Every structure is written in C-alpha cells, then in structure tokens.
Amino acid sequence: MKKIVVLDGKTLGNVDYIKLNEFGQVIYYDLTLKDEVAERIKDANIVLTNKVALNRENLKDATQLELICETATGYNNIDIEYAKEKNIAVTNVTGYSTTTVAQHTFAMLLHLYDNISYFDNYIKSGEYSKSSMFTNLEMPYKDLCGKVWGIIGLGSIGKRVAKIAQAFGARVVYYSTSGKNSDSDYARVEFESLLKQCDIISIHAPLNEKTEGLINYEVFTKMKKDAILINVARGPIIVDEDLARAIDEEIIGGAALDVFKVEPIPAENPLLNIKNKERLVLTPHIGWASEESRNRLFTDLLENISAYNRSEIRNRVDI
C-alpha cells in the first residue's frame, strides 16, 4: 500500500481528505515546519504540499517518493531539477480559481469605489438616525460605467475580469508583461499609456524578473490622481513602501490588495500604518479560496493522482 503524506492540509481548509484513502495510507499534517519535512516524507510514495518547500536537502532520503502533488498552481516551492534527476513526477492544479479571483477583484474594488465602509459605519454609528436627510452626500463616489480599466496580465483571470468590467460599462485596455500576449477583443497598450489613461488598474500577471517591483513610486506618479490599483496576483509586483507613501501623499486614489511581499504581512509593514486608511482595502490572500474553488482544486488533484496511477500524463510540470 502506498504511503501518502499531506504536509500542510490546513491550507486548503475543509476539503474531503478522506478521499485520498482510495490511493493508500494517508498521513495528514495541518502544517509542517522546515526542520520537520525530511522526517515526515522519508517513507512516502506520494507527497502533497502547498507552501512547504521541497528541495534537494529534504528530499534526498525520500527514496520511495514517486509523486509530488502541488496543491496550487505555482510550484516554485519544489525543486523541479532534483525531481527530474530522481524521476519523481510533479503535478499542479490550474484554472480552479479563475472565476473566484475575478469575483474577489470586483468585491474589493466596489468596496473601495463605493465607500461601503463609510456608509455602513454612518448608519451603524447612529448618525443616519439623527439626520434630517434621507441620504448622505458627504462622501461622493463615482460610476464604474465609462471608466477605463487597465489590466496587467491578460491571462485567464485577466480575461475574466475584462469581461466583467465591460459588463459594468468600463472600457478595457491591457498591458502584456511578456510582450507576447495579444487579444483582438481589447486594446493592447504600452505600460506608460496604461498608467496615464486608466481609472482602475488590476494586476493578474505572474511574478518573474519582468514584474517584480514593477509598480513603484515612479509608476504611481504617472497614474491618475484618483486611480485605484488592485493586486490579486503576487505581492512582490508592488513595492509596499512606495504604495504606502503614494496613498498618504494622495498621489493615487487608493488600492486593494489580496497579496503581499511577505505572507502573513509583517506587523511593521508600512501599509498597516498609513494615515489614509480609508483609501486602502486589504484581504489575507483569500481571493482564490471560495468553498467551490477549493473543492474544484481538490477534485483536480485527485484526478492527477488517478492519472499518474494509470501511467497517464496529466498536469505534469516536470516534463
């Protein structure tokens, strides 16, 4: 019977890990520390990991290991070269969160754009009950219809966001970070042009040498004064210190972030200490994590294992 080790099962929440029993004996851990990895996987045939790093050092004694299942799309936590050397198959899961991330993009944008926190607090604080007016016009907000929405990274999620933005009546333009992406449905523009014309900019690009630190203070100075920036991609694409400065200097209208350079976000991160807190919406990397999305992910992962057992190539990232 094969031994299956789940290193950080808690990162997927309440998915049905019992279904793994059909493939062998399951050893489950909520989380695994760096110095615990080697011991926990040394007798494993199959290992499931989300954020736990698997490298040459902690894999070298796992002589029975034949399959590593990344329980996410990104697999930079796995030493692929070592896996190839040792003929260890590596799979990932893709596409499960496209609709979910797009939904979260708009949830954060509309929360910020419509000043929902302000109006909610206005009523709950009792101020509305004291008012002689049926409404509150002290905090203005704008229509999304007619605005220019810029997308950085027009992959599957970027395209989904583009369609929803159009449904709101926004005009969509995009910038290809690779320089290779082309889509006739939307206007492709250069980076500088996107910065200058867009009312909303959302990031859906991968993290690489072209995108790391792409959004910095100089970039913020080229954006519209009331522009909103949204990042649901990877934290290091934005320089946190520069964003905090730009918000407090009111160089841009605000930002909505679901990802950060370091996660969980350190207490000393300047974004947590800005003056203009109402201009910033933060969520703890949950844009991918609806119940439906996590269940889709787990179903896909189970199929990866089934396919491997049938000697089929499915979602392999090592070949």
Protein backbone atom coordinates (compact mmCIF):
# COMPACT_ATOMS: atom_id res chain seq x y z
CA MET A 1 0.00 0.00 0.00
CA LYS A 2 1.32 3.42 -0.95
CA LYS A 3 2.01 5.96 1.77
CA ILE A 4 0.56 9.43 1.11
CA VAL A 5 1.80 12.35 3.22
CA VAL A 6 -0.13 15.64 3.36
CA LEU A 7 2.31 18.28 4.66
CA ASP A 8 0.09 21.34 5.06
CA GLY A 9 -3.50 20.24 4.69
CA LYS A 10 -4.83 23.15 6.72
CA THR A 11 -4.03 25.49 3.81
CA LEU A 12 -6.96 24.04 1.85
CA GLY A 13 -9.43 24.11 4.72
CA ASN A 14 -12.22 21.58 4.98
CA VAL A 15 -11.79 19.67 1.72
CA ASP A 16 -12.53 15.93 1.90
CA TYR A 17 -9.09 14.46 2.53
CA ILE A 18 -10.74 11.11 3.28
CA LYS A 19 -10.99 10.63 -0.49
CA LEU A 20 -7.23 10.13 -0.57
CA ASN A 21 -7.71 6.80 1.20
CA GLU A 22 -8.55 5.12 -2.10
CA PHE A 23 -4.93 5.62 -3.14
CA GLY A 24 -3.24 4.32 0.01
CA GLN A 25 -2.41 5.04 3.65
CA VAL A 26 -2.78 8.75 4.40
CA ILE A 27 -0.64 10.58 6.93
CA TYR A 28 -2.09 14.05 7.43
CA TYR A 29 -0.45 17.14 8.98
CA ASP A 30 -2.10 20.53 9.38
CA LEU A 31 1.23 22.30 8.90
CA THR A 32 4.87 21.24 8.65
CA LEU A 33 7.88 23.25 9.77
CA LYS A 34 11.07 23.39 7.72
CA ASP A 35 13.01 21.09 10.05
CA GLU A 36 10.18 18.52 10.12
CA VAL A 37 9.93 17.90 6.37
CA ALA A 38 12.68 15.31 5.83
CA GLU A 39 11.48 13.04 8.64
CA ARG A 40 7.83 13.22 7.60
CA ILE A 41 8.39 12.34 3.95
CA LYS A 42 11.25 9.82 4.19
CA ASP A 43 8.97 6.78 3.65
CA ALA A 44 6.36 8.49 1.46
CA ASN A 45 5.35 7.41 -2.03
CA ILE A 46 3.18 10.47 -2.65
CA VAL A 47 3.55 13.91 -1.04
CA LEU A 48 1.03 16.75 -1.11
CA THR A 49 2.33 20.27 -0.49
CA ASN A 50 1.02 23.77 -0.87
CA LYS A 51 3.58 26.12 0.67
CA VAL A 52 6.08 23.69 2.21
CA ALA A 53 9.38 23.79 0.30
CA LEU A 54 10.68 20.51 -1.09
CA ASN A 55 14.33 20.68 -2.09
CA ARG A 56 17.41 18.54 -2.63
CA GLU A 57 18.27 18.61 1.06
CA ASN A 58 14.97 17.37 2.49
CA LEU A 59 14.16 15.08 -0.46
CA LYS A 60 17.42 13.13 -0.55
CA ASP A 61 16.32 10.45 1.94
CA ALA A 62 12.82 10.06 0.45
CA THR A 63 13.94 7.14 -1.69
CA GLN A 64 10.41 5.76 -2.17
CA LEU A 65 8.97 9.04 -3.40
CA GLU A 66 7.41 8.83 -6.85
CA LEU A 67 4.87 11.68 -6.99
CA ILE A 68 4.72 15.21 -5.58
CA CYS A 69 1.33 16.92 -5.83
CA GLU A 70 1.43 20.71 -5.63
CA THR A 71 -1.94 21.74 -4.21
CA ALA A 72 -1.81 25.05 -6.07
CA THR A 73 -0.83 26.43 -9.46
CA GLY A 74 2.58 27.89 -8.61
CA TYR A 75 5.26 25.29 -7.86
CA ASN A 76 8.36 27.39 -7.15
CA ASN A 77 8.49 25.73 -3.72
CA ILE A 78 9.51 22.44 -5.38
CA ASP A 79 13.00 21.65 -6.70
CA ILE A 80 11.95 20.51 -10.17
CA GLU A 81 15.51 19.79 -11.31
CA TYR A 82 16.06 17.38 -8.43
CA ALA A 83 12.69 15.74 -9.13
CA LYS A 84 13.76 15.16 -12.74
CA GLU A 85 17.07 13.68 -11.61
CA LYS A 86 15.30 11.19 -9.38
CA ASN A 87 12.40 10.52 -11.76
CA ILE A 88 9.86 11.96 -9.32
CA ALA A 89 6.68 13.12 -11.06
CA VAL A 90 5.39 16.58 -10.10
CA THR A 91 1.85 17.82 -10.77
CA ASN A 92 0.00 21.05 -10.10
CA VAL A 93 -3.58 22.26 -10.44
CA THR A 94 -4.75 25.12 -12.65
CA GLY A 95 -7.90 27.01 -13.57
CA TYR A 96 -9.82 26.19 -10.39
CA SER A 97 -9.87 29.77 -9.09
CA THR A 98 -10.35 31.86 -12.24
CA THR A 99 -13.94 32.87 -11.54
CA THR A 100 -13.27 33.22 -7.82
CA VAL A 101 -10.32 35.58 -8.17
CA ALA A 102 -12.24 37.67 -10.68
CA GLN A 103 -15.16 37.91 -8.25
CA HIS A 104 -12.85 38.98 -5.43
CA THR A 105 -11.27 41.60 -7.66
CA PHE A 106 -14.63 43.31 -8.02
CA ALA A 107 -15.62 42.76 -4.39
CA MET A 108 -12.57 44.74 -3.27
CA LEU A 109 -12.88 47.35 -5.99
CA LEU A 110 -16.54 48.08 -5.30
CA HIS A 111 -15.99 48.11 -1.54
CA LEU A 112 -13.42 50.85 -2.08
CA TYR A 113 -15.00 52.62 -5.07
CA ASP A 114 -18.43 52.92 -3.43
CA ASN A 115 -17.06 53.78 0.04
CA ILE A 116 -19.07 50.96 1.58
CA SER A 117 -17.26 51.07 4.93
CA TYR A 118 -18.04 54.76 5.36
CA PHE A 119 -21.75 54.42 4.61
CA ASP A 120 -22.10 51.23 6.66
CA ASN A 121 -20.49 52.91 9.64
CA TYR A 122 -22.60 56.04 9.12
CA ILE A 123 -25.75 54.02 9.74
CA LYS A 124 -24.43 51.69 12.45
CA SER A 125 -22.95 54.58 14.42
CA GLY A 126 -26.42 56.12 14.74
CA GLU A 127 -25.58 59.21 12.69
CA TYR A 128 -28.11 58.37 9.99
CA SER A 129 -30.88 58.09 12.58
CA LYS A 130 -30.11 61.63 13.72
CA SER A 131 -30.03 63.05 10.20
CA SER A 132 -32.70 65.29 8.66
CA MET A 133 -31.72 63.95 5.21
CA PHE A 134 -32.84 60.65 3.66
CA THR A 135 -29.37 60.23 2.15
CA ASN A 136 -25.73 61.17 2.75
CA LEU A 137 -23.87 63.14 0.11
CA GLU A 138 -20.84 63.95 2.24
CA MET A 139 -18.77 61.11 0.77
CA PRO A 140 -19.05 61.14 -3.03
CA TYR A 141 -18.48 58.07 -5.18
CA LYS A 142 -18.31 57.50 -8.92
CA ASP A 143 -19.78 55.26 -11.58
CA LEU A 144 -17.66 52.43 -12.92
CA CYS A 145 -19.51 52.78 -16.21
CA GLY A 146 -17.49 54.93 -18.59
CA LYS A 147 -14.19 54.44 -16.79
CA VAL A 148 -11.05 52.96 -18.33
CA TRP A 149 -9.99 49.67 -16.74
CA GLY A 150 -6.40 48.63 -17.31
CA ILE A 151 -5.30 45.03 -16.92
CA ILE A 152 -1.71 43.99 -16.34
CA GLY A 153 -1.50 40.36 -17.44
CA LEU A 154 -4.29 39.20 -19.74
CA GLY A 155 -4.31 35.52 -18.88
CA SER A 156 -7.42 33.53 -17.99
CA ILE A 157 -8.13 35.60 -14.87
CA GLY A 158 -7.35 38.87 -16.61
CA LYS A 159 -9.74 37.99 -19.43
CA ARG A 160 -12.48 37.10 -16.96
CA VAL A 161 -12.03 40.46 -15.22
CA ALA A 162 -12.07 42.22 -18.58
CA LYS A 163 -15.46 40.72 -19.47
CA ILE A 164 -16.97 41.71 -16.13
CA ALA A 165 -15.53 45.22 -16.39
CA GLN A 166 -17.14 45.56 -19.81
CA ALA A 167 -20.45 44.40 -18.36
CA PHE A 168 -20.21 47.33 -15.94
CA GLY A 169 -19.70 49.63 -18.91
CA ALA A 170 -15.97 50.20 -18.48
CA ARG A 171 -13.55 50.34 -21.43
CA VAL A 172 -10.78 47.76 -21.13
CA VAL A 173 -7.15 48.10 -22.17
CA TYR A 174 -4.27 45.81 -21.23
CA TYR A 175 -0.51 45.61 -20.96
CA SER A 176 1.31 42.37 -21.72
CA THR A 177 4.22 41.93 -19.31
CA SER A 178 5.76 39.27 -21.54
CA GLY A 179 5.24 41.28 -24.71
CA LYS A 180 3.80 38.17 -26.34
CA ASN A 181 0.15 38.23 -25.35
CA SER A 182 -2.24 39.57 -27.95
CA ASP A 183 -6.04 39.67 -27.81
CA SER A 184 -8.06 41.40 -30.50
CA ASP A 185 -11.02 41.86 -28.14
CA TYR A 186 -9.16 44.53 -26.15
CA ALA A 187 -6.73 47.32 -26.91
CA ARG A 188 -3.15 46.43 -26.09
CA VAL A 189 -1.19 49.45 -24.88
CA GLU A 190 2.28 50.21 -23.65
CA PHE A 191 2.86 50.41 -19.90
CA GLU A 192 3.21 54.21 -19.82
CA SER A 193 -0.03 54.64 -21.74
CA LEU A 194 -1.89 52.31 -19.39
CA LEU A 195 -0.70 54.26 -16.36
CA LYS A 196 -1.77 57.62 -17.75
CA GLN A 197 -5.25 56.74 -19.03
CA CYS A 198 -6.67 54.19 -16.60
CA ASP A 199 -9.06 54.88 -13.75
CA ILE A 200 -8.66 51.35 -12.39
CA ILE A 201 -5.64 49.08 -12.84
CA SER A 202 -5.75 45.43 -11.81
CA ILE A 203 -2.77 43.09 -11.74
CA HIS A 204 -3.14 39.47 -12.89
CA ALA A 205 0.41 38.77 -14.04
CA PRO A 206 2.87 36.11 -12.84
CA LEU A 207 5.84 37.03 -10.68
CA ASN A 208 9.06 36.99 -12.66
CA GLU A 209 12.08 39.16 -13.40
CA LYS A 210 9.93 41.47 -15.53
CA THR A 211 7.19 42.01 -12.96
CA GLU A 212 8.98 42.01 -9.59
CA GLY A 213 8.92 45.58 -8.29
CA LEU A 214 7.12 46.72 -11.46
CA ILE A 215 4.79 49.02 -9.54
CA ASN A 216 6.94 51.51 -7.65
CA TYR A 217 6.84 55.16 -6.59
CA GLU A 218 7.79 56.47 -10.03
CA VAL A 219 4.92 54.47 -11.52
CA PHE A 220 2.45 55.90 -9.02
CA THR A 221 3.44 59.45 -10.02
CA LYS A 222 2.38 58.64 -13.61
CA MET A 223 -1.08 57.36 -12.66
CA LYS A 224 -4.24 59.41 -12.40
CA LYS A 225 -4.64 61.16 -9.07
CA ASP A 226 -7.89 59.28 -8.40
CA ALA A 227 -6.80 55.92 -9.89
CA ILE A 228 -7.41 52.69 -7.98
CA LEU A 229 -4.84 49.88 -8.04
CA ILE A 230 -5.82 46.24 -7.40
CA ASN A 231 -3.38 43.38 -6.86
CA VAL A 232 -4.69 39.81 -6.74
CA ALA A 233 -1.62 38.31 -8.41
CA ARG A 234 1.66 38.26 -6.47
CA GLY A 235 2.72 40.62 -3.68
CA PRO A 236 6.27 41.47 -4.81
CA ILE A 237 4.95 43.03 -8.04
CA ILE A 238 4.21 46.12 -5.91
CA VAL A 239 6.77 47.88 -3.71
CA ASP A 240 4.81 48.13 -0.46
CA GLU A 241 6.74 51.09 0.92
CA ASP A 242 6.14 53.07 -2.25
CA LEU A 243 2.42 52.27 -2.26
CA ALA A 244 2.06 53.39 1.36
CA ARG A 245 3.80 56.65 0.51
CA ALA A 246 1.70 57.20 -2.61
CA ILE A 247 -1.54 56.71 -0.69
CA ASP A 248 -0.57 59.03 2.15
CA GLU A 249 0.66 61.67 -0.28
CA GLU A 250 -2.64 61.23 -2.18
CA ILE A 251 -0.80 60.62 -5.43
CA ILE A 252 -3.35 57.93 -6.31
CA GLY A 253 -6.93 57.38 -5.22
CA GLY A 254 -6.37 54.12 -3.38
CA ALA A 255 -5.55 50.44 -3.59
CA ALA A 256 -6.98 46.99 -2.89
CA LEU A 257 -4.55 44.17 -2.12
CA ASP A 258 -5.06 40.46 -1.57
CA VAL A 259 -1.37 39.54 -1.78
CA PHE A 260 1.78 40.80 -0.12
CA LYS A 261 5.56 40.54 -0.46
CA VAL A 262 5.69 38.52 2.77
CA GLU A 263 2.69 36.48 3.92
CA PRO A 264 1.33 36.78 6.55
CA ILE A 265 2.01 40.51 6.30
CA PRO A 266 4.57 41.62 8.94
CA ALA A 267 3.28 43.95 11.65
CA GLU A 268 5.89 46.54 10.64
CA ASN A 269 4.74 46.70 7.00
CA PRO A 270 4.11 50.41 6.26
CA LEU A 271 0.75 49.59 4.65
CA LEU A 272 -0.60 48.84 8.13
CA ASN A 273 0.34 52.28 9.39
CA ILE A 274 -0.86 54.64 6.69
CA LYS A 275 -2.81 57.77 7.59
CA ASN A 276 -5.39 57.47 4.82
CA LYS A 277 -6.69 54.04 5.85
CA GLU A 278 -10.00 54.59 4.06
CA ARG A 279 -8.10 54.53 0.75
CA LEU A 280 -6.83 51.00 1.25
CA VAL A 281 -8.59 47.62 1.35
CA LEU A 282 -6.60 44.56 2.44
CA THR A 283 -7.58 40.86 2.44
CA PRO A 284 -5.36 37.93 3.56
CA HIS A 285 -4.67 36.11 0.25
CA ILE A 286 -8.19 34.70 0.08
CA GLY A 287 -9.08 35.67 -3.48
CA TRP A 288 -8.65 32.06 -4.64
CA ALA A 289 -10.29 30.40 -1.66
CA SER A 290 -14.06 30.17 -2.01
CA GLU A 291 -15.51 26.82 -0.94
CA GLU A 292 -16.28 25.96 -4.54
CA SER A 293 -12.80 26.88 -5.70
CA ARG A 294 -11.08 24.75 -3.06
CA ASN A 295 -13.31 21.80 -3.89
CA ARG A 296 -12.51 22.19 -7.59
CA LEU A 297 -8.82 22.24 -6.71
CA PHE A 298 -9.04 19.07 -4.63
CA THR A 299 -11.09 17.23 -7.25
CA ASP A 300 -8.45 18.10 -9.84
CA LEU A 301 -5.69 16.93 -7.52
CA LEU A 302 -7.40 13.56 -7.02
CA GLU A 303 -7.63 13.18 -10.78
CA ASN A 304 -3.91 13.95 -11.05
CA ILE A 305 -3.15 11.02 -8.74
CA SER A 306 -5.56 8.72 -10.61
CA ALA A 307 -3.98 9.67 -13.93
CA TYR A 308 -0.48 9.05 -12.58
CA ASN A 309 -1.53 5.60 -11.36
CA ARG A 310 -2.82 4.89 -14.88
CA SER A 311 0.54 5.98 -16.29
CA GLU A 312 -1.12 8.97 -17.93
CA ILE A 313 0.48 12.40 -18.16
CA ARG A 314 -1.82 14.99 -16.59
CA ASN A 315 -0.86 18.41 -15.21
CA ARG A 316 2.79 17.36 -15.06
CA VAL A 317 5.21 20.25 -14.55
CA ASP A 318 8.41 18.16 -14.51
CA ILE A 319 8.34 17.28 -18.22
